[in-house]
Amino acid sequence: MQACERILSDKLLHQFAERAGVYDRENRFFHEDFEDLRDAGYLTMPVPKELGGAGMTLAEVCREQRRLGYYAPATALGVNMHLYWVGLVADLWRQGASPGTRCLGV
């Protein structure tokens, strides 16, 4: 992925910002944001391209997280754990770990 490419459009980020206050006031899960993130391919940013993701590096994923966090902090926080684990597994795959490999000592 080129350094200037982005997953989230400015329009979508502004929609997230409009909903952020509602989620906070109503203390509810960000369902609409989550669906939009999924549709945009945000949840698969760190997944290698050959596996259907965007193939973004950690730095690129962090850049997109910062952009999302500026407009919708709770949404960014809510998807952060997902991105962490997906990124970890993607990195293990890139290093040659096969499916089912006991990589975390579990």
Protein backbone atom coordinates (compact mmCIF):
# COMPACT_ATOMS: atom_id res chain seq x y z
CA MET A 1 0.00 0.00 0.00
CA GLN A 2 1.34 3.42 -0.89
CA ALA A 3 2.01 5.84 1.95
CA CYS A 4 -0.65 8.30 0.76
CA GLU A 5 -3.48 5.75 0.48
CA ARG A 6 -6.15 5.77 3.14
CA ILE A 7 -8.88 3.34 4.10
CA LEU A 8 -11.31 5.91 5.52
CA SER A 9 -12.59 8.85 3.51
CA ASP A 10 -12.98 12.27 5.08
CA LYS A 11 -16.74 11.98 4.48
CA LEU A 12 -16.89 8.75 6.48
CA LEU A 13 -14.78 10.23 9.28
CA HIS A 14 -17.19 13.15 9.54
CA GLN A 15 -20.12 10.72 9.78
CA PHE A 16 -18.32 8.99 12.65
CA ALA A 17 -17.81 12.35 14.36
CA GLU A 18 -21.53 13.14 14.07
CA ARG A 19 -22.44 9.85 15.76
CA ALA A 20 -19.71 9.92 18.44
CA GLY A 21 -21.64 12.16 20.81
CA VAL A 22 -24.76 10.02 20.51
CA TYR A 23 -22.83 6.87 21.38
CA ASP A 24 -21.33 8.62 24.41
CA ARG A 25 -24.62 10.13 25.61
CA GLU A 26 -26.54 6.88 25.18
CA ASN A 27 -23.63 4.73 26.42
CA ARG A 28 -24.10 2.27 23.59
CA PHE A 29 -22.01 0.22 21.20
CA PHE A 30 -21.00 1.85 17.90
CA HIS A 31 -22.94 -0.53 15.62
CA GLU A 32 -23.26 1.87 12.69
CA ASP A 33 -19.58 2.82 12.83
CA PHE A 34 -18.60 -0.84 13.06
CA GLU A 35 -20.61 -1.73 9.94
CA ASP A 36 -19.08 1.20 8.05
CA LEU A 37 -15.59 0.17 9.16
CA ARG A 38 -16.21 -3.38 8.04
CA ASP A 39 -17.58 -2.25 4.68
CA ALA A 40 -14.56 0.02 4.14
CA GLY A 41 -12.11 -2.82 4.80
CA TYR A 42 -10.84 -1.17 7.96
CA LEU A 43 -10.99 -4.34 10.04
CA THR A 44 -8.71 -6.17 7.63
CA MET A 45 -6.10 -3.42 7.17
CA PRO A 46 -3.18 -5.52 8.51
CA VAL A 47 -4.21 -8.71 6.69
CA PRO A 48 -1.85 -9.50 3.78
CA LYS A 49 -3.23 -8.69 0.33
CA GLU A 50 -2.87 -12.30 -0.76
CA LEU A 51 -5.33 -13.21 2.01
CA GLY A 52 -7.85 -10.52 1.07
CA GLY A 53 -6.75 -7.63 3.27
CA ALA A 54 -5.14 -4.27 2.59
CA GLY A 55 -1.64 -5.46 3.52
CA MET A 56 -0.92 -2.37 5.58
CA THR A 57 2.13 -2.10 7.82
CA LEU A 58 1.90 -1.36 11.53
CA ALA A 59 2.80 2.29 10.85
CA GLU A 60 0.02 2.57 8.26
CA VAL A 61 -2.54 0.94 10.56
CA CYS A 62 -1.51 3.30 13.37
CA ARG A 63 -1.89 6.28 11.07
CA GLU A 64 -5.46 5.24 10.23
CA GLN A 65 -6.21 4.62 13.92
CA ARG A 66 -5.01 8.13 14.75
CA ARG A 67 -7.25 9.56 12.05
CA LEU A 68 -10.25 7.61 13.36
CA GLY A 69 -9.43 8.52 16.96
CA TYR A 70 -9.46 12.21 16.14
CA TYR A 71 -13.08 11.99 14.91
CA ALA A 72 -14.47 9.14 17.00
CA PRO A 73 -12.25 8.27 19.99
CA ALA A 74 -14.51 5.58 21.47
CA THR A 75 -14.87 3.85 18.10
CA ALA A 76 -11.09 3.83 17.64
CA LEU A 77 -10.63 2.42 21.12
CA GLY A 78 -13.29 -0.21 20.50
CA VAL A 79 -11.64 -1.61 17.37
CA ASN A 80 -8.09 -1.34 18.68
CA MET A 81 -7.99 -4.78 20.32
CA HIS A 82 -9.32 -6.37 17.12
CA LEU A 83 -6.62 -4.69 15.05
CA TYR A 84 -3.95 -5.70 17.55
CA TRP A 85 -4.75 -9.41 17.30
CA VAL A 86 -5.37 -9.41 13.55
CA GLY A 87 -2.06 -7.61 13.08
CA LEU A 88 -0.24 -10.06 15.32
CA VAL A 89 -1.56 -13.05 13.40
CA ALA A 90 -0.78 -11.35 10.08
CA ASP A 91 2.81 -10.76 11.21
CA LEU A 92 3.14 -14.38 12.32
CA TRP A 93 1.83 -15.51 8.92
CA ARG A 94 4.35 -13.28 7.16
CA GLN A 95 7.09 -14.95 9.24
CA GLY A 96 5.99 -18.39 8.07
CA ALA A 97 3.78 -19.63 10.91
CA SER A 98 1.23 -22.10 9.64
CA PRO A 99 -2.41 -22.30 10.72
CA GLY A 100 -2.70 -24.05 14.05
CA THR A 101 0.85 -23.17 15.11
CA ARG A 102 1.04 -22.70 18.87
CA CYS A 103 2.70 -19.31 18.72
CA LEU A 104 1.70 -17.78 22.03
CA GLY A 105 2.71 -20.62 24.31
CA VAL A 106 -0.92 -21.61 24.87
